[in-house]
Amino acid sequence: MHDLIDRVILFSNPKFHLHNFCFVIKILLENDYPLEFIFDNIKKQLKNAINFKKKKRDNNNIENTEGGREGLHDLLFQRFPKNSID
């Protein structure tokens, strides 16, 4: 069930969220999930997704304000002087 909700939130365009949530709810109701259980889980997954995006945004802001921090790409593909390899 969590995977269905995560797919709606994370992998679909926001303009399709309403349609996709209705589709997921319909599928779950047809499979005898209680309506309260469905909405409780949707609320929980939405909160998790929002908190995850906030943490990700905050971490990006911290890294951007620290300045000279090297990224993984910079560390892996660092150029060395030709004589240093000999």
C-alpha atoms as a PDB file:
ATOM      1  CA  MET A   1       0.000   0.000   0.000  1.00  0.00           C
ATOM      2  CA  HIS A   2       2.809   2.403   0.835  1.00  0.00           C
ATOM      3  CA  ASP A   3       4.338   1.765  -2.572  1.00  0.00           C
ATOM      4  CA  LEU A   4       1.139   2.800  -4.338  1.00  0.00           C
ATOM      5  CA  ILE A   5       0.964   6.026  -2.376  1.00  0.00           C
ATOM      6  CA  ASP A   6       4.669   6.744  -2.861  1.00  0.00           C
ATOM      7  CA  ARG A   7       4.285   6.314  -6.614  1.00  0.00           C
ATOM      8  CA  VAL A   8       1.490   8.864  -6.679  1.00  0.00           C
ATOM      9  CA  ILE A   9       3.503  11.371  -4.644  1.00  0.00           C
ATOM     10  CA  LEU A  10       7.021  10.871  -5.953  1.00  0.00           C
ATOM     11  CA  PHE A  11       6.737   9.634  -9.516  1.00  0.00           C
ATOM     12  CA  SER A  12       3.772  11.469 -10.980  1.00  0.00           C
ATOM     13  CA  ASN A  13       3.353  15.037 -12.109  1.00  0.00           C
ATOM     14  CA  PRO A  14       1.450  17.107  -9.507  1.00  0.00           C
ATOM     15  CA  LYS A  15      -1.330  17.890 -11.978  1.00  0.00           C
ATOM     16  CA  PHE A  16      -2.186  14.146 -12.002  1.00  0.00           C
ATOM     17  CA  HIS A  17      -2.090  13.637  -8.213  1.00  0.00           C
ATOM     18  CA  LEU A  18      -5.846  13.970  -7.713  1.00  0.00           C
ATOM     19  CA  HIS A  19      -6.647  11.478 -10.452  1.00  0.00           C
ATOM     20  CA  ASN A  20      -3.964   9.057  -9.243  1.00  0.00           C
ATOM     21  CA  PHE A  21      -5.069   9.260  -5.599  1.00  0.00           C
ATOM     22  CA  CYS A  22      -8.652   8.541  -6.653  1.00  0.00           C
ATOM     23  CA  PHE A  23      -7.422   5.561  -8.651  1.00  0.00           C
ATOM     24  CA  VAL A  24      -5.398   4.194  -5.713  1.00  0.00           C
ATOM     25  CA  ILE A  25      -8.303   4.671  -3.306  1.00  0.00           C
ATOM     26  CA  LYS A  26     -10.637   2.873  -5.702  1.00  0.00           C
ATOM     27  CA  ILE A  27      -8.230  -0.072  -6.027  1.00  0.00           C
ATOM     28  CA  LEU A  28      -7.783  -0.339  -2.269  1.00  0.00           C
ATOM     29  CA  LEU A  29     -11.537  -0.159  -1.612  1.00  0.00           C
ATOM     30  CA  GLU A  30     -12.148  -2.891  -4.178  1.00  0.00           C
ATOM     31  CA  ASN A  31      -9.650  -5.004  -2.259  1.00  0.00           C
ATOM     32  CA  ASP A  32     -11.610  -4.520   0.997  1.00  0.00           C
ATOM     33  CA  TYR A  33      -9.308  -2.046   2.732  1.00  0.00           C
ATOM     34  CA  PRO A  34     -11.240   0.113   5.221  1.00  0.00           C
ATOM     35  CA  LEU A  35     -11.625   3.741   4.147  1.00  0.00           C
ATOM     36  CA  GLU A  36     -10.242   5.091   7.441  1.00  0.00           C
ATOM     37  CA  PHE A  37      -7.146   2.900   7.090  1.00  0.00           C
ATOM     38  CA  ILE A  38      -6.585   4.145   3.526  1.00  0.00           C
ATOM     39  CA  PHE A  39      -6.795   7.827   4.456  1.00  0.00           C
ATOM     40  CA  ASP A  40      -4.661   7.401   7.586  1.00  0.00           C
ATOM     41  CA  ASN A  41      -1.918   5.868   5.468  1.00  0.00           C
ATOM     42  CA  ILE A  42      -2.212   8.512   2.759  1.00  0.00           C
ATOM     43  CA  LYS A  43      -1.878  11.260   5.394  1.00  0.00           C
ATOM     44  CA  LYS A  44       1.146   9.542   6.924  1.00  0.00           C
ATOM     45  CA  GLN A  45       2.881   9.107   3.561  1.00  0.00           C
ATOM     46  CA  LEU A  46       2.169  12.725   2.589  1.00  0.00           C
ATOM     47  CA  LYS A  47       3.691  13.941   5.852  1.00  0.00           C
ATOM     48  CA  ASN A  48       6.753  11.754   5.275  1.00  0.00           C
ATOM     49  CA  ALA A  49       7.162  13.061   1.722  1.00  0.00           C
ATOM     50  CA  ILE A  50       6.847  16.690   2.840  1.00  0.00           C
ATOM     51  CA  ASN A  51       9.347  16.198   5.674  1.00  0.00           C
ATOM     52  CA  PHE A  52      11.761  14.453   3.305  1.00  0.00           C
ATOM     53  CA  LYS A  53      11.574  17.344   0.827  1.00  0.00           C
ATOM     54  CA  LYS A  54      12.103  19.872   3.642  1.00  0.00           C
ATOM     55  CA  LYS A  55      15.166  18.009   4.928  1.00  0.00           C
ATOM     56  CA  LYS A  56      16.564  17.710   1.418  1.00  0.00           C
ATOM     57  CA  ARG A  57      16.022  21.429   0.779  1.00  0.00           C
ATOM     58  CA  ASP A  58      17.593  22.342   4.154  1.00  0.00           C
ATOM     59  CA  ASN A  59      20.622  20.129   3.476  1.00  0.00           C
ATOM     60  CA  ASN A  60      21.088  21.718   0.055  1.00  0.00           C
ATOM     61  CA  ASN A  61      20.937  25.185   1.636  1.00  0.00           C
ATOM     62  CA  ILE A  62      23.559  24.224   4.234  1.00  0.00           C
ATOM     63  CA  GLU A  63      25.909  22.824   1.584  1.00  0.00           C
ATOM     64  CA  ASN A  64      25.488  25.904  -0.606  1.00  0.00           C
ATOM     65  CA  THR A  65      26.279  28.292   2.255  1.00  0.00           C
ATOM     66  CA  GLU A  66      29.415  26.413   3.328  1.00  0.00           C
ATOM     67  CA  GLY A  67      31.205  27.470   0.173  1.00  0.00           C
ATOM     68  CA  GLY A  68      34.296  25.540  -0.930  1.00  0.00           C
ATOM     69  CA  ARG A  69      32.859  22.115  -0.261  1.00  0.00           C
ATOM     70  CA  GLU A  70      33.840  19.673  -2.962  1.00  0.00           C
ATOM     71  CA  GLY A  71      31.275  17.409  -4.499  1.00  0.00           C
ATOM     72  CA  LEU A  72      31.742  13.697  -5.140  1.00  0.00           C
ATOM     73  CA  HIS A  73      32.236  14.361  -8.847  1.00  0.00           C
ATOM     74  CA  ASP A  74      35.113  16.744  -8.054  1.00  0.00           C
ATOM     75  CA  LEU A  75      36.784  14.169  -5.828  1.00  0.00           C
ATOM     76  CA  LEU A  76      36.442  11.278  -8.260  1.00  0.00           C
ATOM     77  CA  PHE A  77      37.498  13.113 -11.388  1.00  0.00           C
ATOM     78  CA  GLN A  78      40.184  15.319  -9.952  1.00  0.00           C
ATOM     79  CA  ARG A  79      43.006  16.046 -12.385  1.00  0.00           C
ATOM     80  CA  PHE A  80      46.473  15.203 -11.182  1.00  0.00           C
ATOM     81  CA  PRO A  81      49.699  16.655 -12.583  1.00  0.00           C
ATOM     82  CA  LYS A  82      51.238  14.358 -15.196  1.00  0.00           C
ATOM     83  CA  ASN A  83      54.424  13.790 -13.158  1.00  0.00           C
ATOM     84  CA  SER A  84      52.591  12.758  -9.990  1.00  0.00           C
ATOM     85  CA  ILE A  85      51.529   9.415 -11.484  1.00  0.00           C
ATOM     86  CA  ASP A  86      55.050   8.295 -12.444  1.00  0.00           C
END
